N, C-alpha and C. Protein backbone atom coordinates (compact mmCIF):
# COMPACT_ATOMS: atom_id res chain seq x y z
N UNK A 1 -14.72 -22.92 5.23
CA UNK A 1 -15.15 -21.55 5.05
C UNK A 1 -16.19 -21.52 3.93
N UNK A 2 -17.33 -20.92 4.15
CA UNK A 2 -18.36 -20.86 3.11
C UNK A 2 -17.97 -19.89 1.99
N UNK A 3 -18.62 -20.06 0.86
CA UNK A 3 -18.39 -19.14 -0.25
C UNK A 3 -18.76 -17.72 0.17
N UNK A 4 -18.02 -16.74 -0.30
CA UNK A 4 -18.30 -15.35 0.04
C UNK A 4 -19.49 -14.84 -0.76
N UNK A 5 -20.14 -13.81 -0.23
CA UNK A 5 -21.26 -13.18 -0.93
C UNK A 5 -20.80 -12.62 -2.27
N UNK A 6 -19.58 -12.09 -2.33
CA UNK A 6 -19.06 -11.55 -3.59
C UNK A 6 -18.88 -12.65 -4.63
N UNK A 7 -18.40 -13.83 -4.21
CA UNK A 7 -18.25 -14.94 -5.15
C UNK A 7 -19.60 -15.41 -5.66
N UNK A 8 -20.58 -15.47 -4.78
CA UNK A 8 -21.93 -15.88 -5.20
C UNK A 8 -22.52 -14.86 -6.16
N UNK A 9 -22.35 -13.57 -5.87
CA UNK A 9 -22.84 -12.52 -6.78
C UNK A 9 -22.17 -12.62 -8.15
N UNK A 10 -20.85 -12.85 -8.17
CA UNK A 10 -20.15 -12.99 -9.44
C UNK A 10 -20.65 -14.20 -10.22
N UNK A 11 -20.91 -15.30 -9.52
CA UNK A 11 -21.43 -16.49 -10.18
C UNK A 11 -22.81 -16.23 -10.79
N UNK A 12 -23.67 -15.56 -10.05
CA UNK A 12 -25.00 -15.24 -10.56
C UNK A 12 -24.91 -14.30 -11.76
N UNK A 13 -23.99 -13.35 -11.70
CA UNK A 13 -23.77 -12.45 -12.84
C UNK A 13 -23.30 -13.24 -14.05
N UNK A 14 -22.39 -14.18 -13.83
CA UNK A 14 -21.90 -15.02 -14.92
C UNK A 14 -23.03 -15.86 -15.52
N UNK A 15 -23.89 -16.43 -14.67
CA UNK A 15 -25.03 -17.20 -15.17
C UNK A 15 -25.92 -16.35 -16.07
N UNK A 16 -26.24 -15.13 -15.60
CA UNK A 16 -27.10 -14.24 -16.40
C UNK A 16 -26.42 -13.89 -17.73
N UNK A 17 -25.12 -13.60 -17.67
CA UNK A 17 -24.40 -13.23 -18.89
C UNK A 17 -24.41 -14.37 -19.90
N UNK A 18 -24.21 -15.59 -19.44
CA UNK A 18 -24.23 -16.74 -20.35
C UNK A 18 -25.64 -16.94 -20.91
N UNK A 19 -26.64 -16.88 -20.04
CA UNK A 19 -28.02 -17.06 -20.48
C UNK A 19 -28.42 -16.02 -21.53
N UNK A 20 -27.98 -14.78 -21.33
CA UNK A 20 -28.35 -13.68 -22.22
C UNK A 20 -27.38 -13.51 -23.39
N UNK A 21 -26.41 -14.42 -23.50
CA UNK A 21 -25.39 -14.36 -24.55
C UNK A 21 -24.57 -13.08 -24.47
N UNK A 22 -24.30 -12.66 -23.25
CA UNK A 22 -23.48 -11.49 -23.00
C UNK A 22 -22.22 -11.88 -22.24
N UNK A 23 -21.56 -12.93 -22.73
CA UNK A 23 -20.39 -13.47 -22.07
C UNK A 23 -19.32 -13.71 -23.13
N UNK A 24 -18.08 -13.45 -22.77
CA UNK A 24 -17.00 -13.72 -23.71
C UNK A 24 -15.75 -14.15 -22.98
N UNK A 25 -14.86 -14.79 -23.72
CA UNK A 25 -13.57 -15.20 -23.22
C UNK A 25 -12.55 -14.23 -23.79
N UNK A 26 -11.76 -13.62 -22.90
CA UNK A 26 -10.85 -12.56 -23.29
C UNK A 26 -9.44 -12.88 -22.81
N UNK A 27 -8.45 -12.66 -23.66
CA UNK A 27 -7.07 -12.80 -23.22
C UNK A 27 -6.67 -11.50 -22.54
N UNK A 28 -6.20 -11.62 -21.30
CA UNK A 28 -5.73 -10.47 -20.53
C UNK A 28 -4.29 -10.72 -20.11
N UNK A 29 -3.73 -9.79 -19.34
CA UNK A 29 -2.37 -9.96 -18.84
C UNK A 29 -2.40 -9.99 -17.32
N UNK A 30 -1.76 -11.01 -16.74
CA UNK A 30 -1.63 -11.12 -15.30
C UNK A 30 -0.73 -9.99 -14.80
N UNK A 31 -1.20 -9.25 -13.81
CA UNK A 31 -0.45 -8.11 -13.29
C UNK A 31 0.88 -8.55 -12.69
N UNK A 32 0.86 -9.61 -11.89
CA UNK A 32 2.07 -10.03 -11.18
C UNK A 32 3.14 -10.62 -12.10
N UNK A 33 2.71 -11.47 -13.04
CA UNK A 33 3.70 -12.19 -13.86
C UNK A 33 3.89 -11.58 -15.25
N UNK A 34 2.92 -10.81 -15.71
CA UNK A 34 2.97 -10.29 -17.07
C UNK A 34 2.58 -11.30 -18.12
N UNK A 35 2.22 -12.52 -17.70
CA UNK A 35 1.84 -13.58 -18.63
C UNK A 35 0.39 -13.42 -19.09
N UNK A 36 0.08 -13.89 -20.30
CA UNK A 36 -1.31 -13.87 -20.75
C UNK A 36 -2.16 -14.85 -19.94
N UNK A 37 -3.40 -14.47 -19.67
CA UNK A 37 -4.35 -15.32 -18.97
C UNK A 37 -5.71 -15.22 -19.66
N UNK A 38 -6.49 -16.29 -19.56
CA UNK A 38 -7.84 -16.32 -20.12
C UNK A 38 -8.83 -15.94 -19.04
N UNK A 39 -9.71 -14.96 -19.36
CA UNK A 39 -10.64 -14.42 -18.39
C UNK A 39 -12.06 -14.46 -18.97
N UNK A 40 -13.01 -14.99 -18.19
CA UNK A 40 -14.43 -14.94 -18.56
C UNK A 40 -14.97 -13.58 -18.15
N UNK A 41 -15.61 -12.90 -19.09
CA UNK A 41 -16.14 -11.57 -18.83
C UNK A 41 -17.62 -11.50 -19.20
N UNK A 42 -18.34 -10.69 -18.44
CA UNK A 42 -19.70 -10.33 -18.81
C UNK A 42 -19.62 -9.05 -19.62
N UNK A 43 -20.49 -8.93 -20.60
CA UNK A 43 -20.57 -7.72 -21.41
C UNK A 43 -21.73 -6.89 -20.87
N UNK A 44 -21.39 -5.71 -20.37
CA UNK A 44 -22.41 -4.80 -19.82
C UNK A 44 -22.66 -3.71 -20.86
N UNK A 45 -23.88 -3.65 -21.34
CA UNK A 45 -24.22 -2.66 -22.37
C UNK A 45 -24.64 -1.37 -21.67
N UNK A 46 -23.85 -0.31 -21.89
CA UNK A 46 -24.10 0.96 -21.23
C UNK A 46 -25.15 1.79 -21.96
N UNK A 47 -25.15 1.73 -23.26
CA UNK A 47 -26.15 2.39 -24.10
C UNK A 47 -26.09 1.73 -25.47
N UNK A 48 -26.58 2.39 -26.48
CA UNK A 48 -26.61 1.77 -27.81
C UNK A 48 -25.23 1.61 -28.44
N UNK A 49 -24.23 2.36 -27.95
CA UNK A 49 -22.94 2.35 -28.64
C UNK A 49 -21.75 1.92 -27.78
N UNK A 50 -21.90 1.85 -26.46
CA UNK A 50 -20.75 1.50 -25.63
C UNK A 50 -21.05 0.30 -24.74
N UNK A 51 -20.00 -0.45 -24.47
CA UNK A 51 -20.10 -1.59 -23.58
C UNK A 51 -18.93 -1.56 -22.59
N UNK A 52 -19.11 -2.23 -21.47
CA UNK A 52 -18.04 -2.45 -20.51
C UNK A 52 -17.85 -3.95 -20.37
N UNK A 53 -16.61 -4.37 -20.20
CA UNK A 53 -16.32 -5.79 -19.97
C UNK A 53 -16.04 -5.96 -18.49
N UNK A 54 -16.79 -6.87 -17.87
CA UNK A 54 -16.69 -7.11 -16.43
C UNK A 54 -16.01 -8.46 -16.20
N UNK A 55 -14.74 -8.46 -15.75
CA UNK A 55 -14.07 -9.73 -15.51
C UNK A 55 -14.68 -10.46 -14.32
N UNK A 56 -15.01 -11.74 -14.53
CA UNK A 56 -15.69 -12.52 -13.48
C UNK A 56 -14.91 -13.74 -13.04
N UNK A 57 -14.16 -14.35 -13.94
CA UNK A 57 -13.45 -15.58 -13.58
C UNK A 57 -12.23 -15.75 -14.47
N UNK A 58 -11.21 -16.33 -13.88
CA UNK A 58 -9.99 -16.61 -14.61
C UNK A 58 -9.89 -18.12 -14.79
N UNK A 59 -9.59 -18.55 -16.00
CA UNK A 59 -9.48 -19.98 -16.26
C UNK A 59 -8.16 -20.52 -15.74
N UNK A 60 -8.17 -21.79 -15.40
CA UNK A 60 -6.96 -22.45 -14.90
C UNK A 60 -5.94 -22.61 -16.01
N UNK A 61 -4.68 -22.32 -15.71
CA UNK A 61 -3.63 -22.68 -16.67
C UNK A 61 -3.28 -24.15 -16.47
N UNK A 62 -3.35 -24.94 -17.48
CA UNK A 62 -3.02 -26.35 -17.34
C UNK A 62 -4.19 -27.17 -16.85
N UNK A 63 -3.87 -28.26 -16.18
CA UNK A 63 -4.86 -29.23 -15.74
C UNK A 63 -5.45 -28.82 -14.39
N UNK A 64 -6.73 -28.44 -14.33
CA UNK A 64 -7.32 -27.99 -13.07
C UNK A 64 -7.37 -29.08 -12.00
N UNK A 65 -7.40 -30.35 -12.40
CA UNK A 65 -7.42 -31.44 -11.43
C UNK A 65 -6.13 -31.49 -10.62
N UNK A 66 -5.06 -30.95 -11.17
CA UNK A 66 -3.78 -30.92 -10.47
C UNK A 66 -3.58 -29.64 -9.66
N UNK A 67 -4.52 -28.69 -9.79
CA UNK A 67 -4.33 -27.37 -9.18
C UNK A 67 -5.25 -27.08 -8.00
N UNK A 68 -6.30 -27.88 -7.82
CA UNK A 68 -7.24 -27.63 -6.72
C UNK A 68 -7.59 -28.94 -6.02
N UNK A 69 -7.95 -28.84 -4.75
CA UNK A 69 -8.47 -29.96 -3.98
C UNK A 69 -9.93 -29.68 -3.66
N UNK A 70 -10.84 -30.59 -4.03
CA UNK A 70 -12.26 -30.38 -3.75
C UNK A 70 -12.56 -30.63 -2.27
N UNK A 71 -13.69 -30.06 -1.78
CA UNK A 71 -14.04 -30.28 -0.38
C UNK A 71 -14.46 -31.73 -0.13
N UNK A 72 -14.21 -32.20 1.09
CA UNK A 72 -14.66 -33.54 1.50
C UNK A 72 -16.16 -33.49 1.74
N UNK A 73 -16.91 -34.41 1.19
CA UNK A 73 -18.37 -34.38 1.38
C UNK A 73 -18.80 -34.78 2.79
N UNK A 74 -17.92 -35.45 3.55
CA UNK A 74 -18.31 -35.96 4.87
C UNK A 74 -17.94 -35.03 6.02
N UNK A 75 -17.42 -33.88 5.74
CA UNK A 75 -17.06 -33.00 6.83
C UNK A 75 -16.14 -31.89 6.41
N UNK A 76 -15.62 -31.17 7.39
CA UNK A 76 -14.77 -30.04 7.06
C UNK A 76 -13.45 -30.50 6.43
N UNK A 77 -12.88 -29.62 5.66
CA UNK A 77 -11.60 -29.92 5.05
C UNK A 77 -11.72 -30.28 3.59
N UNK A 78 -10.58 -30.62 3.04
CA UNK A 78 -10.49 -30.88 1.61
C UNK A 78 -9.74 -32.19 1.37
N UNK A 79 -10.06 -32.81 0.25
CA UNK A 79 -9.27 -33.95 -0.17
C UNK A 79 -7.85 -33.48 -0.44
N UNK A 80 -6.90 -34.39 -0.30
CA UNK A 80 -5.51 -34.09 -0.64
C UNK A 80 -5.13 -34.87 -1.88
N UNK A 81 -4.14 -34.40 -2.58
CA UNK A 81 -3.61 -35.16 -3.70
C UNK A 81 -3.00 -36.43 -3.13
N UNK A 82 -3.10 -37.61 -3.69
CA UNK A 82 -3.63 -37.96 -4.98
C UNK A 82 -5.08 -38.45 -4.95
N UNK A 83 -5.75 -38.38 -3.80
CA UNK A 83 -7.13 -38.86 -3.75
C UNK A 83 -8.11 -37.92 -4.45
N UNK A 84 -7.62 -36.77 -4.87
CA UNK A 84 -8.46 -35.80 -5.58
C UNK A 84 -9.02 -36.44 -6.83
N UNK A 85 -10.32 -36.26 -7.03
CA UNK A 85 -11.01 -36.68 -8.24
C UNK A 85 -10.90 -38.20 -8.47
N UNK A 86 -10.62 -38.97 -7.41
CA UNK A 86 -10.57 -40.42 -7.53
C UNK A 86 -9.32 -40.95 -8.20
N UNK A 87 -8.27 -40.12 -8.25
CA UNK A 87 -7.02 -40.57 -8.86
C UNK A 87 -6.24 -41.43 -7.88
N UNK A 88 -5.59 -42.43 -8.38
CA UNK A 88 -4.78 -43.29 -7.51
C UNK A 88 -3.34 -42.78 -7.48
N UNK A 89 -2.60 -43.09 -6.41
CA UNK A 89 -1.21 -42.62 -6.34
C UNK A 89 -0.38 -43.18 -7.48
N UNK A 90 0.61 -42.39 -7.89
CA UNK A 90 1.54 -42.86 -8.90
C UNK A 90 1.07 -42.48 -10.22
């Protein structure tokens, strides 16, 4: 499945925010679990005195290599653990 237009738009917004130094890391609360989570936000300046924080991405809790499988470069599908990231079994 290709990346969604919304994901691409969010990524481009994040790139602009980082380039313009309008990006911050904010501790938020996960709605489902109530646990704290780290969220990358863009800072949107509304006027001279107010800003809005636009949440764009949530950071992985723990080791991201253990939480995602990257796509296979030779075709459809994804690598499976333990071949992810070139790790050997065990």
